Amino acid sequence: MIHPKRFQFKSAYFSVFVDFGTDLQFFRGEDKRYLCPVCDYSSLALTNVKRHVLTHTGVYPYKCTLCGKGFRQKRDLDSHRMKHSGERPFKCHVCPKSFTRKEVLKTHMISHFRNDSLS
């Protein structure tokens, strides 16, 4: 018999409870990937699946105080706020471009390496 299990995705601003079955329902076969119970998303990290589940709730708990736009994650709100302030803390050391997110800078840097290798 499968007993219901609850996990709580919680932050300083909100919490969401999601009901699932046992931990075994989070695994797919022998690769031990955690599964989203709603769609085909899977991850090796349970934390990623818990965060992903919020995409199915329609909940946007992090709100911009300037424009009211909602976000599922605080890091996305923080990045959005930089658009209002014009702050772009992640600067390319090869060219004058700068970015609001570190991941975007990393992707940009790859373009420099590709261009160098094509020369």
Protein backbone atom coordinates (compact mmCIF):
# COMPACT_ATOMS: atom_id res chain seq x y z
CA MET A 1 0.00 0.00 0.00
CA ILE A 2 1.32 3.44 -0.92
CA HIS A 3 0.97 6.07 1.77
CA PRO A 4 0.71 9.72 0.79
CA LYS A 5 3.75 11.83 1.42
CA ARG A 6 3.99 15.59 1.52
CA PHE A 7 6.97 17.72 0.84
CA GLN A 8 7.16 21.43 1.35
CA PHE A 9 8.94 23.78 -1.01
CA LYS A 10 9.63 26.69 1.28
CA SER A 11 11.42 30.00 1.18
CA ALA A 12 11.41 33.15 3.27
CA TYR A 13 8.45 34.42 1.23
CA PHE A 14 6.13 31.47 0.69
CA SER A 15 5.62 27.75 0.98
CA VAL A 16 3.87 25.28 -1.28
CA PHE A 17 2.81 21.81 -0.20
CA VAL A 18 2.65 19.07 -2.80
CA ASP A 19 1.28 15.59 -2.14
CA PHE A 20 2.98 12.58 -3.69
CA GLY A 21 3.31 8.90 -2.99
CA THR A 22 6.37 7.24 -1.57
CA ASP A 23 9.91 8.15 -2.57
CA LEU A 24 9.85 5.18 -4.94
CA GLN A 25 7.46 7.10 -7.19
CA PHE A 26 10.16 9.73 -7.68
CA PHE A 27 12.50 7.23 -9.37
CA ARG A 28 12.54 6.02 -12.97
CA GLY A 29 14.05 2.57 -13.35
CA GLU A 30 17.67 2.02 -12.50
CA ASP A 31 18.97 5.46 -13.46
CA LYS A 32 17.63 6.86 -10.17
CA ARG A 33 16.36 10.08 -11.72
CA TYR A 34 13.66 11.93 -9.81
CA LEU A 35 10.44 12.43 -11.77
CA CYS A 36 7.89 15.20 -11.85
CA PRO A 37 4.54 13.54 -11.02
CA VAL A 38 2.74 15.80 -13.53
CA CYS A 39 4.93 15.70 -16.67
CA ASP A 40 8.00 13.97 -18.11
CA TYR A 41 10.57 16.25 -16.43
CA SER A 42 13.28 14.39 -14.52
CA SER A 43 16.46 15.30 -12.69
CA LEU A 44 19.19 13.65 -10.66
CA ALA A 45 18.48 16.19 -7.89
CA LEU A 46 15.20 16.07 -5.95
CA THR A 47 15.55 19.80 -5.25
CA ASN A 48 15.31 20.51 -8.98
CA VAL A 49 12.12 18.47 -9.28
CA LYS A 50 10.58 20.22 -6.28
CA ARG A 51 11.39 23.60 -7.85
CA HIS A 52 10.05 22.41 -11.22
CA VAL A 53 6.71 21.32 -9.70
CA LEU A 54 5.95 25.00 -9.11
CA THR A 55 5.67 25.46 -12.88
CA HIS A 56 2.46 23.42 -12.73
CA THR A 57 0.87 25.45 -9.91
CA GLY A 58 0.57 28.82 -11.66
CA VAL A 59 1.96 30.40 -8.49
CA TYR A 60 4.31 33.38 -8.90
CA PRO A 61 5.19 34.22 -5.29
CA TYR A 62 7.99 36.71 -5.97
CA LYS A 63 6.56 40.04 -7.18
CA CYS A 64 8.39 43.06 -8.53
CA THR A 65 7.40 46.08 -6.45
CA LEU A 66 8.00 48.40 -9.42
CA CYS A 67 5.95 46.74 -12.17
CA GLY A 68 4.07 43.89 -10.46
CA LYS A 69 5.50 41.12 -12.63
CA GLY A 70 5.60 37.77 -10.81
CA PHE A 71 8.35 35.17 -10.71
CA ARG A 72 8.60 31.60 -9.45
CA GLN A 73 12.15 31.99 -8.14
CA LYS A 74 13.81 34.77 -6.18
CA ARG A 75 16.87 34.72 -8.43
CA ASP A 76 14.65 35.54 -11.41
CA LEU A 77 13.12 38.48 -9.53
CA ASP A 78 16.59 39.72 -8.56
CA SER A 79 17.69 39.57 -12.19
CA HIS A 80 14.51 41.37 -13.28
CA ARG A 81 15.09 44.19 -10.79
CA MET A 82 18.42 44.90 -12.48
CA LYS A 83 16.50 45.72 -15.66
CA HIS A 84 14.74 48.53 -13.78
CA SER A 85 17.96 49.81 -12.21
CA GLY A 86 20.13 49.36 -15.30
CA GLU A 87 22.64 47.40 -13.20
CA ARG A 88 24.65 44.86 -15.21
CA PRO A 89 27.21 43.41 -12.80
CA PHE A 90 28.53 40.60 -14.99
CA LYS A 91 31.03 42.20 -17.35
CA CYS A 92 32.85 40.59 -20.25
CA HIS A 93 36.62 41.06 -19.95
CA VAL A 94 37.07 40.69 -23.73
CA CYS A 95 34.53 43.23 -25.03
CA PRO A 96 32.41 46.03 -23.52
CA LYS A 97 29.25 43.93 -23.07
CA SER A 98 27.75 43.32 -19.62
CA PHE A 99 24.86 41.21 -18.36
CA THR A 100 22.36 40.87 -15.53
CA ARG A 101 22.96 37.12 -15.13
CA LYS A 102 26.15 35.12 -14.75
CA GLU A 103 24.86 32.29 -16.96
CA VAL A 104 24.31 34.70 -19.84
CA LEU A 105 27.87 36.00 -19.49
CA LYS A 106 29.17 32.41 -19.59
CA THR A 107 27.24 31.74 -22.80
CA HIS A 108 28.54 35.01 -24.25
CA MET A 109 32.14 34.05 -23.41
CA ILE A 110 31.74 30.87 -25.45
CA SER A 111 31.06 33.05 -28.49
CA HIS A 112 34.47 34.69 -28.03
CA PHE A 113 36.20 31.30 -27.92
CA ARG A 114 34.32 30.12 -31.02
CA ASN A 115 35.27 33.28 -32.90
CA ASP A 116 38.93 32.82 -31.92
CA SER A 117 38.96 29.22 -33.10
CA LEU A 118 37.44 30.20 -36.46
CA SER A 119 40.16 32.79 -37.16
